[in-house]
Amino acid sequence: MLLKLNTKVSFTYLHLAMKSSQKILKKFGEKVREIRKDKEMSQEELAHKANLHRTYIGMIERAEKNITLVNIEKIATALGVKIKKLF
């Protein structure tokens, strides 16, 4: 019984953590898209300026990729904004 309870608690915690990480990825992607469009920049232009692949930018904007800190910095620099503006 104790094992089943711990497994259920662990699963619930994992599920909540995953939902939380999805929220931040979605928020980040929406902000990147908003700033990119405000600057009238295509995904391809942003990718080129950030030295990233165009499809990767699309995946970030759709919250399909968990982005690294290094790539966050590349995107912020390419957009001409401080990192904190992306959150």
C-alpha atoms as a PDB file:
ATOM      1  CA  MET A   1       0.000   0.000   0.000  1.00  0.00           C
ATOM      2  CA  LEU A   2       2.805   2.411   0.884  1.00  0.00           C
ATOM      3  CA  LEU A   3       4.536   1.720  -2.456  1.00  0.00           C
ATOM      4  CA  LYS A   4       1.335   2.474  -4.378  1.00  0.00           C
ATOM      5  CA  LEU A   5       0.838   5.725  -2.465  1.00  0.00           C
ATOM      6  CA  ASN A   6       4.435   6.843  -3.084  1.00  0.00           C
ATOM      7  CA  THR A   7       4.146   5.968  -6.767  1.00  0.00           C
ATOM      8  CA  LYS A   8       0.940   7.976  -7.046  1.00  0.00           C
ATOM      9  CA  VAL A   9       2.466  10.951  -5.204  1.00  0.00           C
ATOM     10  CA  SER A  10       5.566  10.789  -7.426  1.00  0.00           C
ATOM     11  CA  PHE A  11       3.435  10.627 -10.574  1.00  0.00           C
ATOM     12  CA  THR A  12       1.321  13.575  -9.410  1.00  0.00           C
ATOM     13  CA  TYR A  13       4.431  15.627  -8.638  1.00  0.00           C
ATOM     14  CA  LEU A  14       5.965  14.747 -12.011  1.00  0.00           C
ATOM     15  CA  HIS A  15       2.730  15.634 -13.793  1.00  0.00           C
ATOM     16  CA  LEU A  16       2.555  19.023 -12.047  1.00  0.00           C
ATOM     17  CA  ALA A  17       6.207  19.732 -12.802  1.00  0.00           C
ATOM     18  CA  MET A  18       5.652  18.913 -16.468  1.00  0.00           C
ATOM     19  CA  LYS A  19       2.625  21.195 -16.652  1.00  0.00           C
ATOM     20  CA  SER A  20       4.642  23.990 -15.057  1.00  0.00           C
ATOM     21  CA  SER A  21       7.518  23.576 -17.518  1.00  0.00           C
ATOM     22  CA  GLN A  22       5.061  23.579 -20.427  1.00  0.00           C
ATOM     23  CA  LYS A  23       3.631  26.875 -19.168  1.00  0.00           C
ATOM     24  CA  ILE A  24       7.007  28.596 -19.132  1.00  0.00           C
ATOM     25  CA  LEU A  25       7.900  27.207 -22.572  1.00  0.00           C
ATOM     26  CA  LYS A  26       4.599  28.458 -23.960  1.00  0.00           C
ATOM     27  CA  LYS A  27       5.007  31.885 -22.350  1.00  0.00           C
ATOM     28  CA  PHE A  28       8.584  32.158 -23.631  1.00  0.00           C
ATOM     29  CA  GLY A  29       7.628  31.114 -27.158  1.00  0.00           C
ATOM     30  CA  GLU A  30       4.737  33.565 -27.276  1.00  0.00           C
ATOM     31  CA  LYS A  31       7.023  36.383 -26.147  1.00  0.00           C
ATOM     32  CA  VAL A  32       9.664  35.530 -28.767  1.00  0.00           C
ATOM     33  CA  ARG A  33       6.978  35.516 -31.486  1.00  0.00           C
ATOM     34  CA  GLU A  34       5.493  38.811 -30.251  1.00  0.00           C
ATOM     35  CA  ILE A  35       8.836  40.640 -30.222  1.00  0.00           C
ATOM     36  CA  ARG A  36       9.897  39.090 -33.539  1.00  0.00           C
ATOM     37  CA  LYS A  37       6.680  40.228 -35.225  1.00  0.00           C
ATOM     38  CA  ASP A  38       6.887  43.689 -33.635  1.00  0.00           C
ATOM     39  CA  LYS A  39      10.304  44.006 -35.268  1.00  0.00           C
ATOM     40  CA  GLU A  40       8.819  42.736 -38.567  1.00  0.00           C
ATOM     41  CA  MET A  41      11.312  39.891 -38.602  1.00  0.00           C
ATOM     42  CA  SER A  42      10.665  36.466 -40.105  1.00  0.00           C
ATOM     43  CA  GLN A  43      11.573  33.251 -38.320  1.00  0.00           C
ATOM     44  CA  GLU A  44      14.247  32.744 -40.947  1.00  0.00           C
ATOM     45  CA  GLU A  45      15.764  36.197 -40.285  1.00  0.00           C
ATOM     46  CA  LEU A  46      15.752  35.612 -36.533  1.00  0.00           C
ATOM     47  CA  ALA A  47      17.321  32.186 -36.980  1.00  0.00           C
ATOM     48  CA  HIS A  48      20.052  33.646 -39.190  1.00  0.00           C
ATOM     49  CA  LYS A  49      20.840  36.471 -36.730  1.00  0.00           C
ATOM     50  CA  ALA A  50      20.854  34.037 -33.787  1.00  0.00           C
ATOM     51  CA  ASN A  51      22.865  31.388 -35.680  1.00  0.00           C
ATOM     52  CA  LEU A  52      20.081  28.830 -35.129  1.00  0.00           C
ATOM     53  CA  HIS A  53      17.991  26.746 -37.533  1.00  0.00           C
ATOM     54  CA  ARG A  54      14.722  28.228 -38.798  1.00  0.00           C
ATOM     55  CA  THR A  55      12.704  25.180 -37.753  1.00  0.00           C
ATOM     56  CA  TYR A  56      14.157  25.439 -34.238  1.00  0.00           C
ATOM     57  CA  ILE A  57      12.758  28.987 -33.917  1.00  0.00           C
ATOM     58  CA  GLY A  58       9.326  27.695 -34.946  1.00  0.00           C
ATOM     59  CA  MET A  59       9.529  24.871 -32.427  1.00  0.00           C
ATOM     60  CA  ILE A  60      10.451  27.342 -29.680  1.00  0.00           C
ATOM     61  CA  GLU A  61       7.539  29.617 -30.591  1.00  0.00           C
ATOM     62  CA  ARG A  62       5.167  26.627 -30.451  1.00  0.00           C
ATOM     63  CA  ALA A  63       6.653  25.452 -27.101  1.00  0.00           C
ATOM     64  CA  GLU A  64       7.846  22.186 -28.643  1.00  0.00           C
ATOM     65  CA  LYS A  65      11.473  22.518 -27.507  1.00  0.00           C
ATOM     66  CA  ASN A  66      13.071  23.018 -24.124  1.00  0.00           C
ATOM     67  CA  ILE A  67      15.532  25.820 -24.880  1.00  0.00           C
ATOM     68  CA  THR A  68      18.990  26.181 -23.325  1.00  0.00           C
ATOM     69  CA  LEU A  69      20.301  29.313 -21.626  1.00  0.00           C
ATOM     70  CA  VAL A  70      22.865  29.740 -24.393  1.00  0.00           C
ATOM     71  CA  ASN A  71      20.133  29.790 -27.045  1.00  0.00           C
ATOM     72  CA  ILE A  72      17.994  32.155 -24.965  1.00  0.00           C
ATOM     73  CA  GLU A  73      20.932  34.561 -25.009  1.00  0.00           C
ATOM     74  CA  LYS A  74      21.383  34.131 -28.783  1.00  0.00           C
ATOM     75  CA  ILE A  75      17.704  34.889 -29.412  1.00  0.00           C
ATOM     76  CA  ALA A  76      17.676  37.901 -27.086  1.00  0.00           C
ATOM     77  CA  THR A  77      20.773  39.310 -28.802  1.00  0.00           C
ATOM     78  CA  ALA A  78      19.319  38.682 -32.271  1.00  0.00           C
ATOM     79  CA  LEU A  79      16.094  40.451 -31.235  1.00  0.00           C
ATOM     80  CA  GLY A  80      18.049  43.299 -29.670  1.00  0.00           C
ATOM     81  CA  VAL A  81      16.480  42.884 -26.225  1.00  0.00           C
ATOM     82  CA  LYS A  82      17.653  41.982 -22.734  1.00  0.00           C
ATOM     83  CA  ILE A  83      17.026  38.371 -21.711  1.00  0.00           C
ATOM     84  CA  LYS A  84      14.544  39.416 -19.003  1.00  0.00           C
ATOM     85  CA  LYS A  85      12.256  40.899 -21.680  1.00  0.00           C
ATOM     86  CA  LEU A  86      11.652  37.384 -23.020  1.00  0.00           C
ATOM     87  CA  PHE A  87       9.950  36.280 -19.778  1.00  0.00           C
END
